Amino acid sequence: MSDTFSQKHHPVEIRLIREAKMLEVDFKDGPTVALPAELLRVESPSADVQGHGPSQKKTIAGRRHVGIMGVEAVGNYAIRIKFDDMHDTGIFTWDYMYDMGLRKDEMWADYLADLAAKGLSRDP
């Protein structure tokens, strides 16, 4: 079997907290990460958001109120998140989600700075 889907980190539980628009993941090796739907949406690993390289990453505005409609397993290495703005093409690997949890504050600050630099808003 290919090493492509090997993940260092594995969840033991995933909770979708719809009212708070939050996804919580308990990882086997320690942390529980709580990730807001807005951050997950604007940092989706999909080509629609990330492009095909770092220089092609898009700034996604107007997602302050985005929610999560559902989460589905992708093999044993990832999940697909279905957002209520109908975006559902990103495959969130366990390692990507773990990293997002560790870097959440930094990623959030970068997102807000990028919006400001481009004169965009979190509001629809």
PDB file of N, CA and C in Angstrom:
ATOM      1  N   MET A   1       0.837  -1.184   0.000  1.00  0.00           N
ATOM      2  CA  MET A   1       0.000   0.000   0.000  1.00  0.00           C
ATOM      3  C   MET A   1       0.882   1.246   0.000  1.00  0.00           C
ATOM      4  N   SER A   2       0.464   2.257  -0.715  1.00  0.00           N
ATOM      5  CA  SER A   2       1.210   3.502  -0.831  1.00  0.00           C
ATOM      6  C   SER A   2       1.244   4.265   0.483  1.00  0.00           C
ATOM      7  N   ASP A   3       2.325   4.993   0.702  1.00  0.00           N
ATOM      8  CA  ASP A   3       2.480   5.820   1.892  1.00  0.00           C
ATOM      9  C   ASP A   3       1.708   7.131   1.775  1.00  0.00           C
ATOM     10  N   THR A   4       1.124   7.411   0.610  1.00  0.00           N
ATOM     11  CA  THR A   4       0.453   8.672   0.338  1.00  0.00           C
ATOM     12  C   THR A   4      -0.579   9.034   1.391  1.00  0.00           C
ATOM     13  N   PHE A   5      -1.313   8.056   1.877  1.00  0.00           N
ATOM     14  CA  PHE A   5      -2.393   8.343   2.806  1.00  0.00           C
ATOM     15  C   PHE A   5      -2.013   8.102   4.261  1.00  0.00           C
ATOM     16  N   SER A   6      -0.729   7.857   4.531  1.00  0.00           N
ATOM     17  CA  SER A   6      -0.277   7.692   5.912  1.00  0.00           C
ATOM     18  C   SER A   6      -0.453   8.999   6.658  1.00  0.00           C
ATOM     19  N   GLN A   7      -0.977   8.914   7.836  1.00  0.00           N
ATOM     20  CA  GLN A   7      -1.180  10.090   8.664  1.00  0.00           C
ATOM     21  C   GLN A   7      -0.497   9.854  10.002  1.00  0.00           C
ATOM     22  N   LYS A   8       0.178  10.881  10.512  1.00  0.00           N
ATOM     23  CA  LYS A   8       0.826  10.785  11.818  1.00  0.00           C
ATOM     24  C   LYS A   8      -0.208  10.852  12.942  1.00  0.00           C
ATOM     25  N   HIS A   9      -1.255  11.619  12.706  1.00  0.00           N
ATOM     26  CA  HIS A   9      -2.245  11.891  13.748  1.00  0.00           C
ATOM     27  C   HIS A   9      -3.570  11.244  13.377  1.00  0.00           C
ATOM     28  N   HIS A  10      -4.241  10.706  14.385  1.00  0.00           N
ATOM     29  CA  HIS A  10      -5.522  10.030  14.148  1.00  0.00           C
ATOM     30  C   HIS A  10      -6.537  10.473  15.188  1.00  0.00           C
ATOM     31  N   PRO A  11      -7.763  10.720  14.750  1.00  0.00           N
ATOM     32  CA  PRO A  11      -8.793  11.153  15.698  1.00  0.00           C
ATOM     33  C   PRO A  11      -9.378   9.973  16.459  1.00  0.00           C
ATOM     34  N   VAL A  12      -9.859  10.255  17.648  1.00  0.00           N
ATOM     35  CA  VAL A  12     -10.618   9.262  18.396  1.00  0.00           C
ATOM     36  C   VAL A  12     -12.093   9.666  18.438  1.00  0.00           C
ATOM     37  N   GLU A  13     -12.354  10.968  18.256  1.00  0.00           N
ATOM     38  CA  GLU A  13     -13.737  11.436  18.205  1.00  0.00           C
ATOM     39  C   GLU A  13     -13.803  12.748  17.431  1.00  0.00           C
ATOM     40  N   ILE A  14     -14.890  12.913  16.679  1.00  0.00           N
ATOM     41  CA  ILE A  14     -15.158  14.138  15.933  1.00  0.00           C
ATOM     42  C   ILE A  14     -16.561  14.587  16.323  1.00  0.00           C
ATOM     43  N   ARG A  15     -16.687  15.859  16.692  1.00  0.00           N
ATOM     44  CA  ARG A  15     -17.989  16.402  17.070  1.00  0.00           C
ATOM     45  C   ARG A  15     -18.311  17.625  16.229  1.00  0.00           C
ATOM     46  N   LEU A  16     -19.460  17.611  15.601  1.00  0.00           N
ATOM     47  CA  LEU A  16     -19.968  18.772  14.884  1.00  0.00           C
ATOM     48  C   LEU A  16     -20.902  19.496  15.844  1.00  0.00           C
ATOM     49  N   ILE A  17     -20.570  20.724  16.170  1.00  0.00           N
ATOM     50  CA  ILE A  17     -21.390  21.527  17.064  1.00  0.00           C
ATOM     51  C   ILE A  17     -22.041  22.603  16.199  1.00  0.00           C
ATOM     52  N   ARG A  18     -23.193  22.244  15.652  1.00  0.00           N
ATOM     53  CA  ARG A  18     -23.873  23.103  14.665  1.00  0.00           C
ATOM     54  C   ARG A  18     -24.158  24.506  15.190  1.00  0.00           C
ATOM     55  N   GLU A  19     -24.700  24.603  16.405  1.00  0.00           N
ATOM     56  CA  GLU A  19     -25.085  25.915  16.946  1.00  0.00           C
ATOM     57  C   GLU A  19     -23.888  26.856  17.032  1.00  0.00           C
ATOM     58  N   ALA A  20     -22.752  26.330  17.397  1.00  0.00           N
ATOM     59  CA  ALA A  20     -21.533  27.138  17.535  1.00  0.00           C
ATOM     60  C   ALA A  20     -20.754  27.229  16.224  1.00  0.00           C
ATOM     61  N   LYS A  21     -21.235  26.503  15.201  1.00  0.00           N
ATOM     62  CA  LYS A  21     -20.545  26.465  13.902  1.00  0.00           C
ATOM     63  C   LYS A  21     -19.083  26.084  14.104  1.00  0.00           C
ATOM     64  N   MET A  22     -18.904  24.932  14.755  1.00  0.00           N
ATOM     65  CA  MET A  22     -17.589  24.491  15.182  1.00  0.00           C
ATOM     66  C   MET A  22     -17.450  22.990  14.957  1.00  0.00           C
ATOM     67  N   LEU A  23     -16.247  22.581  14.637  1.00  0.00           N
ATOM     68  CA  LEU A  23     -15.912  21.165  14.545  1.00  0.00           C
ATOM     69  C   LEU A  23     -14.818  20.903  15.565  1.00  0.00           C
ATOM     70  N   GLU A  24     -15.039  19.924  16.437  1.00  0.00           N
ATOM     71  CA  GLU A  24     -14.041  19.549  17.431  1.00  0.00           C
ATOM     72  C   GLU A  24     -13.523  18.163  17.099  1.00  0.00           C
ATOM     73  N   VAL A  25     -12.226  18.009  17.208  1.00  0.00           N
ATOM     74  CA  VAL A  25     -11.592  16.717  16.940  1.00  0.00           C
ATOM     75  C   VAL A  25     -10.662  16.385  18.095  1.00  0.00           C
ATOM     76  N   ASP A  26     -10.899  15.225  18.713  1.00  0.00           N
ATOM     77  CA  ASP A  26     -10.006  14.712  19.747  1.00  0.00           C
ATOM     78  C   ASP A  26      -9.000  13.806  19.057  1.00  0.00           C
ATOM     79  N   PHE A  27      -7.719  14.118  19.202  1.00  0.00           N
ATOM     80  CA  PHE A  27      -6.688  13.302  18.584  1.00  0.00           C
ATOM     81  C   PHE A  27      -6.108  12.317  19.586  1.00  0.00           C
ATOM     82  N   LYS A  28      -5.758  11.150  19.086  1.00  0.00           N
ATOM     83  CA  LYS A  28      -5.205  10.064  19.886  1.00  0.00           C
ATOM     84  C   LYS A  28      -3.954  10.502  20.645  1.00  0.00           C
ATOM     85  N   ASP A  29      -3.141  11.325  19.998  1.00  0.00           N
ATOM     86  CA  ASP A  29      -1.871  11.717  20.604  1.00  0.00           C
ATOM     87  C   ASP A  29      -1.954  13.031  21.371  1.00  0.00           C
ATOM     88  N   GLY A  30      -3.137  13.359  21.861  1.00  0.00           N
ATOM     89  CA  GLY A  30      -3.194  14.498  22.760  1.00  0.00           C
ATOM     90  C   GLY A  30      -4.272  15.524  22.576  1.00  0.00           C
ATOM     91  N   PRO A  31      -4.043  16.497  21.719  1.00  0.00           N
ATOM     92  CA  PRO A  31      -4.909  17.670  21.757  1.00  0.00           C
ATOM     93  C   PRO A  31      -6.321  17.427  21.210  1.00  0.00           C
ATOM     94  N   THR A  32      -7.211  18.258  21.720  1.00  0.00           N
ATOM     95  CA  THR A  32      -8.525  18.409  21.117  1.00  0.00           C
ATOM     96  C   THR A  32      -8.449  19.727  20.377  1.00  0.00           C
ATOM     97  N   VAL A  33      -8.781  19.722  19.103  1.00  0.00           N
ATOM     98  CA  VAL A  33      -8.777  20.960  18.338  1.00  0.00           C
ATOM     99  C   VAL A  33     -10.214  21.373  18.075  1.00  0.00           C
ATOM    100  N   ALA A  34     -10.483  22.656  18.260  1.00  0.00           N
ATOM    101  CA  ALA A  34     -11.799  23.230  18.010  1.00  0.00           C
ATOM    102  C   ALA A  34     -11.636  24.229  16.871  1.00  0.00           C
ATOM    103  N   LEU A  35     -12.237  23.916  15.742  1.00  0.00           N
ATOM    104  CA  LEU A  35     -12.047  24.735  14.552  1.00  0.00           C
ATOM    105  C   LEU A  35     -13.368  25.337  14.085  1.00  0.00           C
ATOM    106  N   PRO A  36     -13.423  26.675  13.977  1.00  0.00           N
ATOM    107  CA  PRO A  36     -14.643  27.323  13.517  1.00  0.00           C
ATOM    108  C   PRO A  36     -14.890  27.033  12.032  1.00  0.00           C
ATOM    109  N   ALA A  37     -16.160  26.926  11.680  1.00  0.00           N
ATOM    110  CA  ALA A  37     -16.548  26.636  10.295  1.00  0.00           C
ATOM    111  C   ALA A  37     -15.954  27.660   9.330  1.00  0.00           C
ATOM    112  N   GLU A  38     -15.959  28.916   9.717  1.00  0.00           N
ATOM    113  CA  GLU A  38     -15.435  29.963   8.833  1.00  0.00           C
ATOM    114  C   GLU A  38     -13.974  29.710   8.486  1.00  0.00           C
ATOM    115  N   LEU A  39     -13.160  29.379   9.482  1.00  0.00           N
ATOM    116  CA  LEU A  39     -11.745  29.118   9.215  1.00  0.00           C
ATOM    117  C   LEU A  39     -11.581  27.866   8.357  1.00  0.00           C
ATOM    118  N   LEU A  40     -12.329  26.822   8.660  1.00  0.00           N
ATOM    119  CA  LEU A  40     -12.263  25.602   7.840  1.00  0.00           C
ATOM    120  C   LEU A  40     -12.629  25.914   6.390  1.00  0.00           C
ATOM    121  N   ARG A  41     -13.648  26.732   6.198  1.00  0.00           N
ATOM    122  CA  ARG A  41     -14.104  27.061   4.840  1.00  0.00           C
ATOM    123  C   ARG A  41     -13.069  27.868   4.077  1.00  0.00           C
ATOM    124  N   VAL A  42     -12.523  28.910   4.709  1.00  0.00           N
ATOM    125  CA  VAL A  42     -11.598  29.786   3.981  1.00  0.00           C
ATOM    126  C   VAL A  42     -10.212  29.172   3.821  1.00  0.00           C
ATOM    127  N   GLU A  43      -9.922  28.115   4.595  1.00  0.00           N
ATOM    128  CA  GLU A  43      -8.651  27.401   4.472  1.00  0.00           C
ATOM    129  C   GLU A  43      -8.850  25.995   3.901  1.00  0.00           C
ATOM    130  N   SER A  44      -9.982  25.780   3.262  1.00  0.00           N
ATOM    131  CA  SER A  44     -10.260  24.470   2.664  1.00  0.00           C
ATOM    132  C   SER A  44      -9.089  24.038   1.787  1.00  0.00           C
ATOM    133  N   PRO A  45      -8.703  22.774   1.885  1.00  0.00           N
ATOM    134  CA  PRO A  45      -7.594  22.294   1.061  1.00  0.00           C
ATOM    135  C   PRO A  45      -7.989  22.041  -0.401  1.00  0.00           C
ATOM    136  N   SER A  46      -9.164  22.472  -0.800  1.00  0.00           N
ATOM    137  CA  SER A  46      -9.621  22.258  -2.174  1.00  0.00           C
ATOM    138  C   SER A  46      -8.840  23.129  -3.162  1.00  0.00           C
ATOM    139  N   ALA A  47      -8.824  22.719  -4.410  1.00  0.00           N
ATOM    140  CA  ALA A  47      -8.194  23.517  -5.463  1.00  0.00           C
ATOM    141  C   ALA A  47      -8.954  24.825  -5.659  1.00  0.00           C
ATOM    142  N   ASP A  48     -10.256  24.836  -5.356  1.00  0.00           N
ATOM    143  CA  ASP A  48     -11.051  26.066  -5.458  1.00  0.00           C
ATOM    144  C   ASP A  48     -10.491  27.168  -4.562  1.00  0.00           C
ATOM    145  N   VAL A  49      -9.928  26.788  -3.433  1.00  0.00           N
ATOM    146  CA  VAL A  49      -9.384  27.762  -2.483  1.00  0.00           C
ATOM    147  C   VAL A  49      -7.870  27.857  -2.616  1.00  0.00           C
ATOM    148  N   GLN A  50      -7.187  26.731  -2.592  1.00  0.00           N
ATOM    149  CA  GLN A  50      -5.725  26.715  -2.576  1.00  0.00           C
ATOM    150  C   GLN A  50      -5.086  26.882  -3.944  1.00  0.00           C
ATOM    151  N   GLY A  51      -5.875  26.710  -5.002  1.00  0.00           N
ATOM    152  CA  GLY A  51      -5.298  26.736  -6.338  1.00  0.00           C
ATOM    153  C   GLY A  51      -4.411  25.514  -6.521  1.00  0.00           C
ATOM    154  N   HIS A  52      -3.446  25.638  -7.407  1.00  0.00           N
ATOM    155  CA  HIS A  52      -2.535  24.519  -7.662  1.00  0.00           C
ATOM    156  C   HIS A  52      -1.112  24.843  -7.205  1.00  0.00           C
ATOM    157  N   GLY A  53      -1.015  25.808  -6.297  1.00  0.00           N
ATOM    158  CA  GLY A  53       0.267  26.201  -5.734  1.00  0.00           C
ATOM    159  C   GLY A  53       0.068  27.411  -4.840  1.00  0.00           C
ATOM    160  N   PRO A  54       1.038  27.705  -3.976  1.00  0.00           N
ATOM    161  CA  PRO A  54       0.904  28.806  -3.010  1.00  0.00           C
ATOM    162  C   PRO A  54       0.560  30.159  -3.641  1.00  0.00           C
ATOM    163  N   SER A  55       1.054  30.434  -4.818  1.00  0.00           N
ATOM    164  CA  SER A  55       0.786  31.730  -5.447  1.00  0.00           C
ATOM    165  C   SER A  55      -0.644  31.832  -5.979  1.00  0.00           C
ATOM    166  N   GLN A  56      -1.354  30.714  -6.026  1.00  0.00           N
ATOM    167  CA  GLN A  56      -2.720  30.714  -6.568  1.00  0.00           C
ATOM    168  C   GLN A  56      -3.800  30.701  -5.489  1.00  0.00           C
ATOM    169  N   LYS A  57      -3.398  30.742  -4.216  1.00  0.00           N
ATOM    170  CA  LYS A  57      -4.386  30.698  -3.137  1.00  0.00           C
ATOM    171  C   LYS A  57      -5.340  31.884  -3.235  1.00  0.00           C
ATOM    172  N   LYS A  58      -6.634  31.595  -3.075  1.00  0.00           N
ATOM    173  CA  LYS A  58      -7.661  32.626  -3.169  1.00  0.00           C
ATOM    174  C   LYS A  58      -8.066  33.093  -1.776  1.00  0.00           C
ATOM    175  N   THR A  59      -8.421  34.363  -1.703  1.00  0.00           N
ATOM    176  CA  THR A  59      -8.973  34.916  -0.480  1.00  0.00           C
ATOM    177  C   THR A  59     -10.484  34.773  -0.570  1.00  0.00           C
ATOM    178  N   ILE A  60     -11.068  34.074   0.385  1.00  0.00           N
ATOM    179  CA  ILE A  60     -12.503  33.835   0.388  1.00  0.00           C
ATOM    180  C   ILE A  60     -13.138  34.808   1.375  1.00  0.00           C
ATOM    181  N   ALA A  61     -13.937  35.725   0.871  1.00  0.00           N
ATOM    182  CA  ALA A  61     -14.591  36.729   1.703  1.00  0.00           C
ATOM    183  C   ALA A  61     -16.047  36.341   1.955  1.00  0.00           C
ATOM    184  N   GLY A  62     -16.667  37.045   2.882  1.00  0.00           N
ATOM    185  CA  GLY A  62     -18.098  36.907   3.110  1.00  0.00           C
ATOM    186  C   GLY A  62     -18.556  35.612   3.740  1.00  0.00           C
ATOM    187  N   ARG A  63     -17.716  34.985   4.544  1.00  0.00           N
ATOM    188  CA  ARG A  63     -18.076  33.677   5.107  1.00  0.00           C
ATOM    189  C   ARG A  63     -18.267  33.709   6.626  1.00  0.00           C
ATOM    190  N   ARG A  64     -18.502  34.873   7.189  1.00  0.00           N
ATOM    191  CA  ARG A  64     -18.667  34.997   8.638  1.00  0.00           C
ATOM    192  C   ARG A  64     -19.729  34.033   9.184  1.00  0.00           C
ATOM    193  N   HIS A  65     -20.810  33.837   8.461  1.00  0.00           N
ATOM    194  CA  HIS A  65     -21.938  33.048   8.961  1.00  0.00           C
ATOM    195  C   HIS A  65     -22.000  31.633   8.407  1.00  0.00           C
ATOM    196  N   VAL A  66     -20.961  31.193   7.711  1.00  0.00           N
ATOM    197  CA  VAL A  66     -20.993  29.861   7.105  1.00  0.00           C
ATOM    198  C   VAL A  66     -21.127  28.788   8.191  1.00  0.00           C
ATOM    199  N   GLY A  67     -21.922  27.786   7.875  1.00  0.00           N
ATOM    200  CA  GLY A  67     -22.093  26.662   8.791  1.00  0.00           C
ATOM    201  C   GLY A  67     -21.689  25.364   8.119  1.00  0.00           C
ATOM    202  N   ILE A  68     -21.755  24.310   8.892  1.00  0.00           N
ATOM    203  CA  ILE A  68     -21.413  22.980   8.387  1.00  0.00           C
ATOM    204  C   ILE A  68     -22.680  22.145   8.370  1.00  0.00           C
ATOM    205  N   MET A  69     -23.019  21.619   7.201  1.00  0.00           N
ATOM    206  CA  MET A  69     -24.203  20.777   7.063  1.00  0.00           C
ATOM    207  C   MET A  69     -23.907  19.330   7.409  1.00  0.00           C
ATOM    208  N   GLY A  70     -22.688  18.894   7.143  1.00  0.00           N
ATOM    209  CA  GLY A  70     -22.350  17.513   7.424  1.00  0.00           C
ATOM    210  C   GLY A  70     -20.881  17.229   7.222  1.00  0.00           C
ATOM    211  N   VAL A  71     -20.486  16.067   7.717  1.00  0.00           N
ATOM    212  CA  VAL A  71     -19.102  15.606   7.634  1.00  0.00           C
ATOM    213  C   VAL A  71     -19.150  14.147   7.215  1.00  0.00           C
ATOM    214  N   GLU A  72     -18.324  13.776   6.247  1.00  0.00           N
ATOM    215  CA  GLU A  72     -18.284  12.370   5.847  1.00  0.00           C
ATOM    216  C   GLU A  72     -16.846  11.874   5.777  1.00  0.00           C
ATOM    217  N   ALA A  73     -16.672  10.625   6.137  1.00  0.00           N
ATOM    218  CA  ALA A  73     -15.342  10.016   6.120  1.00  0.00           C
ATOM    219  C   ALA A  73     -14.854   9.835   4.691  1.00  0.00           C
ATOM    220  N   VAL A  74     -13.559  10.014   4.515  1.00  0.00           N
ATOM    221  CA  VAL A  74     -12.893   9.712   3.245  1.00  0.00           C
ATOM    222  C   VAL A  74     -11.815   8.699   3.607  1.00  0.00           C
ATOM    223  N   GLY A  75     -12.108   7.450   3.341  1.00  0.00           N
ATOM    224  CA  GLY A  75     -11.192   6.383   3.759  1.00  0.00           C
ATOM    225  C   GLY A  75     -10.985   6.460   5.257  1.00  0.00           C
ATOM    226  N   ASN A  76      -9.771   6.162   5.683  1.00  0.00           N
ATOM    227  CA  ASN A  76      -9.464   6.275   7.113  1.00  0.00           C
ATOM    228  C   ASN A  76      -8.429   7.365   7.362  1.00  0.00           C
ATOM    229  N   TYR A  77      -8.320   8.298   6.419  1.00  0.00           N
ATOM    230  CA  TYR A  77      -7.289   9.320   6.516  1.00  0.00           C
ATOM    231  C   TYR A  77      -7.808  10.755   6.490  1.00  0.00           C
ATOM    232  N   ALA A  78      -9.131  10.948   6.280  1.00  0.00           N
ATOM    233  CA  ALA A  78      -9.620  12.313   6.106  1.00  0.00           C
ATOM    234  C   ALA A  78     -11.135  12.382   6.235  1.00  0.00           C
ATOM    235  N   ILE A  79     -11.625  13.629   6.167  1.00  0.00           N
ATOM    236  CA  ILE A  79     -13.059  13.878   6.085  1.00  0.00           C
ATOM    237  C   ILE A  79     -13.322  14.901   4.989  1.00  0.00           C
ATOM    238  N   ARG A  80     -14.532  14.877   4.495  1.00  0.00           N
ATOM    239  CA  ARG A  80     -15.030  15.907   3.580  1.00  0.00           C
ATOM    240  C   ARG A  80     -16.086  16.664   4.374  1.00  0.00           C
ATOM    241  N   ILE A  81     -15.983  17.979   4.370  1.00  0.00           N
ATOM    242  CA  ILE A  81     -16.931  18.820   5.085  1.00  0.00           C
ATOM    243  C   ILE A  81     -17.871  19.456   4.071  1.00  0.00           C
ATOM    244  N   LYS A  82     -19.162  19.357   4.351  1.00  0.00           N
ATOM    245  CA  LYS A  82     -20.171  19.986   3.494  1.00  0.00           C
ATOM    246  C   LYS A  82     -20.640  21.263   4.184  1.00  0.00           C
ATOM    247  N   PHE A  83     -20.257  22.391   3.590  1.00  0.00           N
ATOM    248  CA  PHE A  83     -20.606  23.695   4.143  1.00  0.00           C
ATOM    249  C   PHE A  83     -21.950  24.146   3.587  1.00  0.00           C
ATOM    250  N   ASP A  84     -22.624  25.031   4.321  1.00  0.00           N
ATOM    251  CA  ASP A  84     -23.944  25.466   3.867  1.00  0.00           C
ATOM    252  C   ASP A  84     -23.897  26.481   2.729  1.00  0.00           C
ATOM    253  N   ASP A  85     -22.695  26.882   2.297  1.00  0.00           N
ATOM    254  CA  ASP A  85     -22.589  27.693   1.073  1.00  0.00           C
ATOM    255  C   ASP A  85     -22.366  26.782  -0.139  1.00  0.00           C
ATOM    256  N   MET A  86     -22.570  25.473   0.085  1.00  0.00           N
ATOM    257  CA  MET A  86     -22.494  24.410  -0.917  1.00  0.00           C
ATOM    258  C   MET A  86     -21.076  24.016  -1.314  1.00  0.00           C
ATOM    259  N   HIS A  87     -20.071  24.534  -0.639  1.00  0.00           N
ATOM    260  CA  HIS A  87     -18.696  24.092  -0.884  1.00  0.00           C
ATOM    261  C   HIS A  87     -18.505  22.734  -0.208  1.00  0.00           C
ATOM    262  N   ASP A  88     -17.981  21.766  -0.965  1.00  0.00           N
ATOM    263  CA  ASP A  88     -17.769  20.440  -0.375  1.00  0.00           C
ATOM    264  C   ASP A  88     -16.648  19.667  -1.059  1.00  0.00           C
ATOM    265  N   THR A  89     -15.725  20.379  -1.681  1.00  0.00           N
ATOM    266  CA  THR A  89     -14.700  19.680  -2.453  1.00  0.00           C
ATOM    267  C   THR A  89     -13.370  19.499  -1.726  1.00  0.00           C
ATOM    268  N   GLY A  90     -13.215  20.054  -0.558  1.00  0.00           N
ATOM    269  CA  GLY A  90     -11.948  19.898   0.156  1.00  0.00           C
ATOM    270  C   GLY A  90     -11.880  18.591   0.921  1.00  0.00           C
ATOM    271  N   ILE A  91     -10.725  17.948   0.871  1.00  0.00           N
ATOM    272  CA  ILE A  91     -10.472  16.739   1.644  1.00  0.00           C
ATOM    273  C   ILE A  91      -9.537  17.132   2.786  1.00  0.00           C
ATOM    274  N   PHE A  92     -10.064  17.117   4.006  1.00  0.00           N
ATOM    275  CA  PHE A  92      -9.316  17.521   5.190  1.00  0.00           C
ATOM    276  C   PHE A  92      -8.675  16.290   5.813  1.00  0.00           C
ATOM    277  N   THR A  93      -7.372  16.108   5.573  1.00  0.00           N
ATOM    278  CA  THR A  93      -6.677  14.963   6.169  1.00  0.00           C
ATOM    279  C   THR A  93      -6.523  15.209   7.665  1.00  0.00           C
ATOM    280  N   TRP A  94      -6.289  14.123   8.402  1.00  0.00           N
ATOM    281  CA  TRP A  94      -6.104  14.254   9.843  1.00  0.00           C
ATOM    282  C   TRP A  94      -4.904  15.141  10.157  1.00  0.00           C
ATOM    283  N   ASP A  95      -3.823  14.984   9.416  1.00  0.00           N
ATOM    284  CA  ASP A  95      -2.631  15.795   9.678  1.00  0.00           C
ATOM    285  C   ASP A  95      -2.895  17.275   9.393  1.00  0.00           C
ATOM    286  N   TYR A  96      -3.673  17.560   8.339  1.00  0.00           N
ATOM    287  CA  TYR A  96      -4.013  18.949   8.016  1.00  0.00           C
ATOM    288  C   TYR A  96      -4.847  19.557   9.147  1.00  0.00           C
ATOM    289  N   MET A  97      -5.810  18.801   9.647  1.00  0.00           N
ATOM    290  CA  MET A  97      -6.665  19.311  10.720  1.00  0.00           C
ATOM    291  C   MET A  97      -5.871  19.495  12.018  1.00  0.00           C
ATOM    292  N   TYR A  98      -4.977  18.580  12.293  1.00  0.00           N
ATOM    293  CA  TYR A  98      -4.119  18.682  13.473  1.00  0.00           C
ATOM    294  C   TYR A  98      -3.289  19.963  13.380  1.00  0.00           C
ATOM    295  N   ASP A  99      -2.680  20.177  12.217  1.00  0.00           N
ATOM    296  CA  ASP A  99      -1.873  21.376  11.984  1.00  0.00           C
ATOM    297  C   ASP A  99      -2.732  22.640  12.107  1.00  0.00           C
ATOM    298  N   MET A 100      -3.931  22.606  11.550  1.00  0.00           N
ATOM    299  CA  MET A 100      -4.826  23.762  11.677  1.00  0.00           C
ATOM    300  C   MET A 100      -5.105  24.061  13.144  1.00  0.00           C
ATOM    301  N   GLY A 101      -5.309  23.024  13.923  1.00  0.00           N
ATOM    302  CA  GLY A 101      -5.568  23.219  15.345  1.00  0.00           C
ATOM    303  C   GLY A 101      -4.402  23.880  16.058  1.00  0.00           C
ATOM    304  N   LEU A 102      -3.195  23.481  15.716  1.00  0.00           N
ATOM    305  CA  LEU A 102      -2.005  24.058  16.340  1.00  0.00           C
ATOM    306  C   LEU A 102      -1.760  25.490  15.870  1.00  0.00           C
ATOM    307  N   ARG A 103      -2.115  25.781  14.621  1.00  0.00           N
ATOM    308  CA  ARG A 103      -1.823  27.080  14.019  1.00  0.00           C
ATOM    309  C   ARG A 103      -3.051  27.970  13.876  1.00  0.00           C
ATOM    310  N   LYS A 104      -4.149  27.593  14.535  1.00  0.00           N
ATOM    311  CA  LYS A 104      -5.428  28.289  14.360  1.00  0.00           C
ATOM    312  C   LYS A 104      -5.304  29.805  14.522  1.00  0.00           C
ATOM    313  N   ASP A 105      -4.668  30.260  15.584  1.00  0.00           N
ATOM    314  CA  ASP A 105      -4.564  31.702  15.832  1.00  0.00           C
ATOM    315  C   ASP A 105      -3.766  32.406  14.737  1.00  0.00           C
ATOM    316  N   GLU A 106      -2.675  31.791  14.339  1.00  0.00           N
ATOM    317  CA  GLU A 106      -1.840  32.357  13.267  1.00  0.00           C
ATOM    318  C   GLU A 106      -2.613  32.394  11.942  1.00  0.00           C
ATOM    319  N   MET A 107      -3.309  31.313  11.624  1.00  0.00           N
ATOM    320  CA  MET A 107      -4.075  31.250  10.375  1.00  0.00           C
ATOM    321  C   MET A 107      -5.201  32.280  10.382  1.00  0.00           C
ATOM    322  N   TRP A 108      -5.847  32.441  11.535  1.00  0.00           N
ATOM    323  CA  TRP A 108      -6.933  33.411  11.655  1.00  0.00           C
ATOM    324  C   TRP A 108      -6.399  34.834  11.440  1.00  0.00           C
ATOM    325  N   ALA A 109      -5.279  35.157  12.078  1.00  0.00           N
ATOM    326  CA  ALA A 109      -4.675  36.485  11.924  1.00  0.00           C
ATOM    327  C   ALA A 109      -4.283  36.741  10.471  1.00  0.00           C
ATOM    328  N   ASP A 110      -3.717  35.741   9.808  1.00  0.00           N
ATOM    329  CA  ASP A 110      -3.338  35.880   8.399  1.00  0.00           C
ATOM    330  C   ASP A 110      -4.564  36.111   7.517  1.00  0.00           C
ATOM    331  N   TYR A 111      -5.639  35.388   7.812  1.00  0.00           N
ATOM    332  CA  TYR A 111      -6.895  35.541   7.066  1.00  0.00           C
ATOM    333  C   TYR A 111      -7.436  36.964   7.214  1.00  0.00           C
ATOM    334  N   LEU A 112      -7.498  37.459   8.441  1.00  0.00           N
ATOM    335  CA  LEU A 112      -8.008  38.811   8.671  1.00  0.00           C
ATOM    336  C   LEU A 112      -7.121  39.862   8.002  1.00  0.00           C
ATOM    337  N   ALA A 113      -5.816  39.681   8.063  1.00  0.00           N
ATOM    338  CA  ALA A 113      -4.887  40.619   7.420  1.00  0.00           C
ATOM    339  C   ALA A 113      -5.047  40.593   5.905  1.00  0.00           C
ATOM    340  N   ASP A 114      -5.243  39.410   5.340  1.00  0.00           N
ATOM    341  CA  ASP A 114      -5.430  39.276   3.900  1.00  0.00           C
ATOM    342  C   ASP A 114      -6.721  39.962   3.453  1.00  0.00           C
ATOM    343  N   LEU A 115      -7.801  39.764   4.224  1.00  0.00           N
ATOM    344  CA  LEU A 115      -9.056  40.452   3.905  1.00  0.00           C
ATOM    345  C   LEU A 115      -8.862  41.963   3.930  1.00  0.00           C
ATOM    346  N   ALA A 116      -8.231  42.462   4.984  1.00  0.00           N
ATOM    347  CA  ALA A 116      -8.019  43.902   5.132  1.00  0.00           C
ATOM    348  C   ALA A 116      -7.169  44.460   3.998  1.00  0.00           C
ATOM    349  N   ALA A 117      -6.108  43.748   3.647  1.00  0.00           N
ATOM    350  CA  ALA A 117      -5.212  44.209   2.579  1.00  0.00           C
ATOM    351  C   ALA A 117      -5.919  44.293   1.234  1.00  0.00           C
ATOM    352  N   LYS A 118      -6.924  43.458   1.059  1.00  0.00           N
ATOM    353  CA  LYS A 118      -7.652  43.432  -0.213  1.00  0.00           C
ATOM    354  C   LYS A 118      -8.971  44.196  -0.148  1.00  0.00           C
ATOM    355  N   GLY A 119      -9.238  44.850   0.981  1.00  0.00           N
ATOM    356  CA  GLY A 119     -10.469  45.630   1.135  1.00  0.00           C
ATOM    357  C   GLY A 119     -11.721  44.748   1.150  1.00  0.00           C
ATOM    358  N   LEU A 120     -11.579  43.532   1.646  1.00  0.00           N
ATOM    359  CA  LEU A 120     -12.709  42.602   1.686  1.00  0.00           C
ATOM    360  C   LEU A 120     -13.228  42.469   3.113  1.00  0.00           C
ATOM    361  N   SER A 121     -14.385  41.830   3.237  1.00  0.00           N
ATOM    362  CA  SER A 121     -15.024  41.687   4.536  1.00  0.00           C
ATOM    363  C   SER A 121     -15.414  40.244   4.814  1.00  0.00           C
ATOM    364  N   ARG A 122     -15.527  39.926   6.090  1.00  0.00           N
ATOM    365  CA  ARG A 122     -16.037  38.605   6.492  1.00  0.00           C
ATOM    366  C   ARG A 122     -17.539  38.528   6.248  1.00  0.00           C
ATOM    367  N   ASP A 123     -18.209  39.675   6.213  1.00  0.00           N
ATOM    368  CA  ASP A 123     -19.657  39.702   6.029  1.00  0.00           C
ATOM    369  C   ASP A 123     -20.043  39.451   4.571  1.00  0.00           C
ATOM    370  N   PRO A 124     -21.199  38.795   4.395  1.00  0.00           N
ATOM    371  CA  PRO A 124     -21.661  38.534   3.020  1.00  0.00           C
ATOM    372  C   PRO A 124     -21.995  39.805   2.278  1.00  0.00           C
TER     373      PRO A 124
END
